[in-house]
Amino acid sequence: MVAEDRTRRDPRSLVTRDRRRPRSEPSRPRSDDEGPSATADEPAVRRIQRGYAAWARAYDWFARATASVGGVRAGCVRALDLEPGDTVVEFGCGPGVNAPALREAVGPTGRVVGVDVTGAMLDRARALAERRGWENVELVRGDATDPPVRSADAVLATFVTSLFADPYAVVSDWCDLADSVVVASFAPRGSRPANAALSAFARLNGRLFDAAGGDPLGQLDARTAAAGRAIADNAATATEERFLFGTVTMCAGHGRAGHRPE
């Protein structure tokens, strides 16, 4: 659980920044039309953009249809330990599947910021927010490996870290942004049928995950483990929970490693 003396961050302190400048320098917010900065891993970003843009409609339908399956997403929001008035950032927000639960957790005085690198996904998330009249949901086009935010109370990422070549570095950076970080990832550690399904999924999306050859299931496992280690190394307290017969691992970290309870 988060320490009781957690200081709630002013939502106004969470600002976008121009990733082409050092983090210490102030800058103007980036426009949605600008896309990722020149310093991002452009081949990886373009690969992800093409993959998810092509499947945006289908992914939106599938994600919403399976949002409650296995209790993964509800478990992630619960693990964030959000309070009314908090600001939560979701990296890889996609079409906004987690937004309703996050918004309910932070209340009308809180703030939900969705970050995604794919414009087609953000378009669907934005349409959802407009349909429901959500005024405290902000959607930002940006690269999760170089976060376009300065700080937040909490960070969430579901099924995103498998896309990163170095999940440990990325998740470690997220731990610098917030007091609470929760990451859910696929983990090929469950039953044989479940692993077979994950293997097929990884091979089918080999280009998306940069795993066209070799052992995509092994790479998926390694990246999930690296994300978990980042939370364990950078948080004062870290927990792990498994869902869906062990095929999904949720790692939650609270507080900073330098302030570990005795």
Protein backbone atom coordinates (compact mmCIF):
# COMPACT_ATOMS: atom_id res chain seq x y z
CA MET A 1 0.00 0.00 0.00
CA VAL A 2 1.04 3.58 -0.53
CA ALA A 3 2.47 5.31 2.52
CA GLU A 4 -0.11 7.37 4.36
CA ASP A 5 1.97 10.53 4.07
CA ARG A 6 1.88 10.50 0.27
CA THR A 7 1.69 14.05 -0.98
CA ARG A 8 -0.94 14.52 -3.65
CA ARG A 9 0.42 16.23 -6.71
CA ASP A 10 -1.21 19.31 -8.10
CA PRO A 11 -2.68 18.31 -11.49
CA ARG A 12 -1.26 21.51 -12.92
CA SER A 13 2.25 20.16 -12.25
CA LEU A 14 1.76 17.43 -14.84
CA VAL A 15 2.75 19.16 -18.04
CA THR A 16 3.85 18.05 -21.45
CA ARG A 17 7.40 18.83 -22.44
CA ASP A 18 9.33 18.97 -25.69
CA ARG A 19 11.38 15.78 -25.62
CA ARG A 20 14.06 17.29 -27.86
CA ARG A 21 15.26 19.39 -24.91
CA PRO A 22 16.82 18.34 -21.60
CA ARG A 23 14.28 17.47 -18.95
CA SER A 24 15.34 20.38 -16.77
CA GLU A 25 14.38 22.97 -19.38
CA PRO A 26 10.83 24.35 -19.55
CA SER A 27 9.06 24.03 -22.86
CA ARG A 28 5.71 24.42 -24.54
CA PRO A 29 3.22 21.55 -24.76
CA ARG A 30 3.54 19.37 -27.84
CA SER A 31 0.73 19.22 -30.35
CA ASP A 32 -1.00 15.95 -31.21
CA ASP A 33 -0.06 16.51 -34.85
CA GLU A 34 3.65 16.68 -34.14
CA GLY A 35 3.93 13.03 -33.13
CA PRO A 36 7.00 11.59 -31.40
CA SER A 37 10.15 13.66 -31.26
CA ALA A 38 13.21 13.10 -33.38
CA THR A 39 15.03 11.60 -30.39
CA ALA A 40 12.62 8.66 -30.09
CA ASP A 41 13.49 5.25 -31.52
CA GLU A 42 11.84 6.10 -34.83
CA PRO A 43 11.90 2.60 -36.44
CA ALA A 44 10.27 1.09 -33.34
CA VAL A 45 7.77 3.94 -33.06
CA ARG A 46 6.76 3.63 -36.70
CA ARG A 47 6.44 -0.13 -36.39
CA ILE A 48 4.10 0.27 -33.43
CA GLN A 49 2.13 3.04 -35.12
CA ARG A 50 1.58 1.01 -38.28
CA GLY A 51 0.64 -2.12 -36.38
CA TYR A 52 -1.84 -0.56 -34.01
CA ALA A 53 -3.26 1.89 -36.56
CA ALA A 54 -4.15 -1.01 -38.85
CA TRP A 55 -5.89 -2.86 -36.04
CA ALA A 56 -7.33 0.12 -34.14
CA ARG A 57 -10.98 -0.69 -34.77
CA ALA A 58 -10.61 -4.42 -34.09
CA TYR A 59 -8.42 -3.81 -31.04
CA ASP A 60 -10.95 -1.35 -29.64
CA TRP A 61 -13.74 -3.90 -29.96
CA PHE A 62 -11.67 -6.77 -28.56
CA ALA A 63 -10.30 -4.78 -25.63
CA ARG A 64 -13.74 -3.60 -24.58
CA ALA A 65 -15.25 -7.06 -25.02
CA THR A 66 -12.58 -8.59 -22.78
CA ALA A 67 -12.08 -5.70 -20.34
CA SER A 68 -13.52 -7.62 -17.41
CA VAL A 69 -12.09 -11.05 -18.28
CA GLY A 70 -9.92 -12.42 -15.51
CA GLY A 71 -10.18 -9.25 -13.44
CA VAL A 72 -6.86 -7.95 -14.80
CA ARG A 73 -7.82 -4.36 -15.51
CA ALA A 74 -9.88 -4.00 -12.33
CA GLY A 75 -6.97 -5.45 -10.36
CA CYS A 76 -4.58 -2.92 -11.89
CA VAL A 77 -6.76 0.04 -11.00
CA ARG A 78 -7.21 -1.30 -7.47
CA ALA A 79 -3.44 -1.77 -7.09
CA LEU A 80 -2.83 1.88 -8.01
CA ASP A 81 -4.45 2.84 -4.69
CA LEU A 82 -5.85 6.02 -6.20
CA GLU A 83 -7.61 8.67 -4.15
CA PRO A 84 -10.13 11.33 -5.21
CA GLY A 85 -8.26 14.27 -6.71
CA ASP A 86 -5.25 12.22 -7.86
CA THR A 87 -3.65 12.52 -11.27
CA VAL A 88 -3.02 9.21 -13.04
CA VAL A 89 -1.16 8.74 -16.32
CA GLU A 90 -1.72 5.70 -18.50
CA PHE A 91 1.04 4.90 -20.99
CA GLY A 92 -0.19 3.05 -24.05
CA CYS A 93 -3.79 4.04 -23.30
CA GLY A 94 -4.99 2.75 -26.67
CA PRO A 95 -8.70 3.40 -27.30
CA GLY A 96 -9.33 4.30 -23.67
CA VAL A 97 -10.48 0.96 -22.27
CA ASN A 98 -9.12 1.72 -18.79
CA ALA A 99 -10.31 5.32 -18.73
CA PRO A 100 -13.76 4.68 -17.17
CA ALA A 101 -12.32 2.81 -14.16
CA LEU A 102 -9.47 5.30 -13.72
CA ARG A 103 -11.82 8.24 -13.88
CA GLU A 104 -14.13 6.64 -11.32
CA ALA A 105 -11.15 6.09 -9.00
CA VAL A 106 -9.90 9.70 -9.09
CA GLY A 107 -13.33 11.28 -9.07
CA PRO A 108 -14.46 14.52 -10.70
CA THR A 109 -11.66 16.49 -9.04
CA GLY A 110 -8.97 14.11 -10.31
CA ARG A 111 -7.31 13.88 -13.69
CA VAL A 112 -6.73 11.03 -16.14
CA VAL A 113 -4.03 11.50 -18.77
CA GLY A 114 -3.82 8.95 -21.56
CA VAL A 115 -0.60 8.78 -23.58
CA ASP A 116 -0.28 6.81 -26.80
CA VAL A 117 2.02 6.95 -29.81
CA THR A 118 -0.67 5.94 -32.32
CA GLY A 119 -3.01 8.65 -33.58
CA ALA A 120 -5.72 6.19 -34.62
CA MET A 121 -5.91 4.83 -31.08
CA LEU A 122 -6.10 8.31 -29.58
CA ASP A 123 -8.87 9.23 -32.02
CA ARG A 124 -10.98 6.40 -30.64
CA ALA A 125 -10.16 7.32 -27.05
CA ARG A 126 -10.99 10.94 -27.74
CA ALA A 127 -14.31 9.98 -29.31
CA LEU A 128 -15.16 7.97 -26.21
CA ALA A 129 -14.32 10.89 -23.92
CA GLU A 130 -16.42 13.26 -26.02
CA ARG A 131 -19.40 10.90 -26.09
CA ARG A 132 -19.36 10.61 -22.31
CA GLY A 133 -18.62 14.27 -21.67
CA TRP A 134 -15.43 13.64 -19.69
CA GLU A 135 -13.81 16.98 -18.96
CA ASN A 136 -11.05 15.63 -16.72
CA VAL A 137 -9.62 13.18 -19.27
CA GLU A 138 -6.70 14.44 -21.35
CA LEU A 139 -5.21 12.54 -24.28
CA VAL A 140 -1.64 13.15 -25.39
CA ARG A 141 0.23 11.75 -28.35
CA GLY A 142 3.67 10.78 -27.14
CA ASP A 143 6.27 8.06 -26.75
CA ALA A 144 6.16 6.15 -23.46
CA THR A 145 9.91 5.55 -23.68
CA ASP A 146 10.42 9.31 -23.36
CA PRO A 147 7.43 10.39 -21.26
CA PRO A 148 5.80 13.70 -22.22
CA VAL A 149 4.89 14.36 -18.58
CA ARG A 150 6.76 15.74 -15.60
CA SER A 151 5.02 14.07 -12.65
CA ALA A 152 1.86 12.33 -11.50
CA ASP A 153 0.42 10.51 -8.52
CA ALA A 154 0.25 7.21 -10.38
CA VAL A 155 1.28 5.52 -13.63
CA LEU A 156 -0.46 2.58 -15.29
CA ALA A 157 0.54 0.49 -18.32
CA THR A 158 -1.30 -2.62 -19.46
CA PHE A 159 0.21 -4.91 -22.10
CA VAL A 160 2.70 -2.30 -23.25
CA THR A 161 6.15 -3.22 -21.91
CA SER A 162 6.53 -6.14 -24.36
CA LEU A 163 6.93 -3.52 -27.09
CA PHE A 164 10.08 -2.02 -25.58
CA ALA A 165 13.59 -3.19 -26.37
CA ASP A 166 14.67 -2.15 -22.85
CA PRO A 167 11.64 -2.39 -20.53
CA TYR A 168 13.83 -2.07 -17.43
CA ALA A 169 14.99 1.42 -18.40
CA VAL A 170 11.53 2.57 -19.47
CA VAL A 171 9.74 1.38 -16.33
CA SER A 172 12.54 2.76 -14.13
CA ASP A 173 11.90 6.17 -15.67
CA TRP A 174 8.20 5.82 -14.90
CA CYS A 175 9.09 5.15 -11.26
CA ASP A 176 10.74 8.58 -11.18
CA LEU A 177 7.48 10.20 -12.27
CA ALA A 178 5.03 8.80 -9.74
CA ASP A 179 4.62 7.37 -6.26
CA SER A 180 2.56 4.47 -7.59
CA VAL A 181 3.39 2.44 -10.72
CA VAL A 182 1.43 -0.58 -11.93
CA VAL A 183 2.34 -2.65 -14.98
CA ALA A 184 0.44 -5.63 -16.39
CA SER A 185 2.16 -7.81 -18.97
CA PHE A 186 1.82 -11.16 -20.67
CA ALA A 187 3.86 -13.85 -18.94
CA PRO A 188 4.36 -17.30 -20.51
CA ARG A 189 4.49 -19.07 -17.17
CA GLY A 190 1.03 -20.60 -17.04
CA SER A 191 -0.51 -23.75 -18.48
CA ARG A 192 0.68 -25.39 -21.69
CA PRO A 193 -2.44 -24.39 -23.69
CA ALA A 194 -2.14 -20.81 -22.49
CA ASN A 195 1.54 -20.72 -23.47
CA ALA A 196 0.68 -22.11 -26.90
CA ALA A 197 -1.83 -19.31 -27.40
CA LEU A 198 0.70 -16.71 -26.28
CA SER A 199 3.33 -18.18 -28.60
CA ALA A 200 0.96 -17.99 -31.55
CA PHE A 201 0.08 -14.41 -30.65
CA ALA A 202 3.76 -13.41 -30.38
CA ARG A 203 4.63 -15.02 -33.72
CA LEU A 204 1.61 -13.51 -35.45
CA ASN A 205 2.70 -10.08 -34.22
CA GLY A 206 6.43 -10.69 -34.58
CA ARG A 207 7.11 -7.47 -36.45
CA LEU A 208 5.14 -5.44 -33.92
CA PHE A 209 7.18 -6.85 -31.03
CA ASP A 210 10.43 -6.89 -33.03
CA ALA A 211 10.52 -10.67 -32.64
CA ALA A 212 10.20 -11.93 -36.20
CA GLY A 213 12.71 -14.73 -35.58
CA GLY A 214 14.29 -16.71 -32.79
CA ASP A 215 12.19 -17.28 -29.68
CA PRO A 216 9.35 -14.73 -29.46
CA LEU A 217 7.88 -16.39 -26.39
CA GLY A 218 11.24 -16.22 -24.63
CA GLN A 219 11.61 -12.58 -25.58
CA LEU A 220 8.13 -11.85 -24.26
CA ASP A 221 8.99 -13.54 -20.97
CA ALA A 222 12.30 -11.68 -20.69
CA ARG A 223 10.71 -8.28 -21.28
CA THR A 224 7.95 -8.94 -18.75
CA ALA A 225 10.54 -10.02 -16.18
CA ALA A 226 12.63 -6.91 -16.84
CA ALA A 227 9.65 -4.64 -16.23
CA GLY A 228 9.00 -6.40 -12.94
CA ARG A 229 12.62 -6.03 -11.85
CA ALA A 230 12.48 -2.32 -12.57
CA ILE A 231 9.56 -1.90 -10.19
CA ALA A 232 11.20 -4.10 -7.55
CA ASP A 233 14.45 -2.12 -7.76
CA ASN A 234 12.93 1.35 -7.79
CA ALA A 235 9.93 1.11 -5.44
CA ALA A 236 9.90 1.11 -1.67
CA THR A 237 7.37 -1.73 -1.73
CA ALA A 238 6.61 -4.02 -4.64
CA THR A 239 4.00 -6.74 -5.12
CA GLU A 240 3.18 -9.19 -7.89
CA GLU A 241 -0.11 -10.84 -8.75
CA ARG A 242 -0.98 -13.26 -11.55
CA PHE A 243 -4.17 -13.55 -13.54
CA LEU A 244 -5.68 -15.78 -16.23
CA PHE A 245 -3.96 -19.02 -15.25
CA GLY A 246 -0.62 -17.26 -14.86
CA THR A 247 -0.50 -15.79 -18.37
CA VAL A 248 -0.73 -12.20 -17.09
CA THR A 249 1.51 -10.75 -14.41
CA MET A 250 0.74 -7.50 -12.62
CA CYS A 251 3.58 -5.76 -10.81
CA ALA A 252 2.79 -2.84 -8.51
CA GLY A 253 5.27 -0.51 -6.86
CA HIS A 254 4.65 2.19 -4.27
CA GLY A 255 6.98 4.85 -2.92
CA ARG A 256 10.66 5.34 -3.77
CA ALA A 257 13.41 2.79 -3.19
CA GLY A 258 15.36 5.31 -1.10
CA HIS A 259 12.49 5.41 1.37
CA ARG A 260 12.00 1.72 2.06
CA PRO A 261 10.17 0.95 5.31
CA GLU A 262 12.35 -0.64 7.99
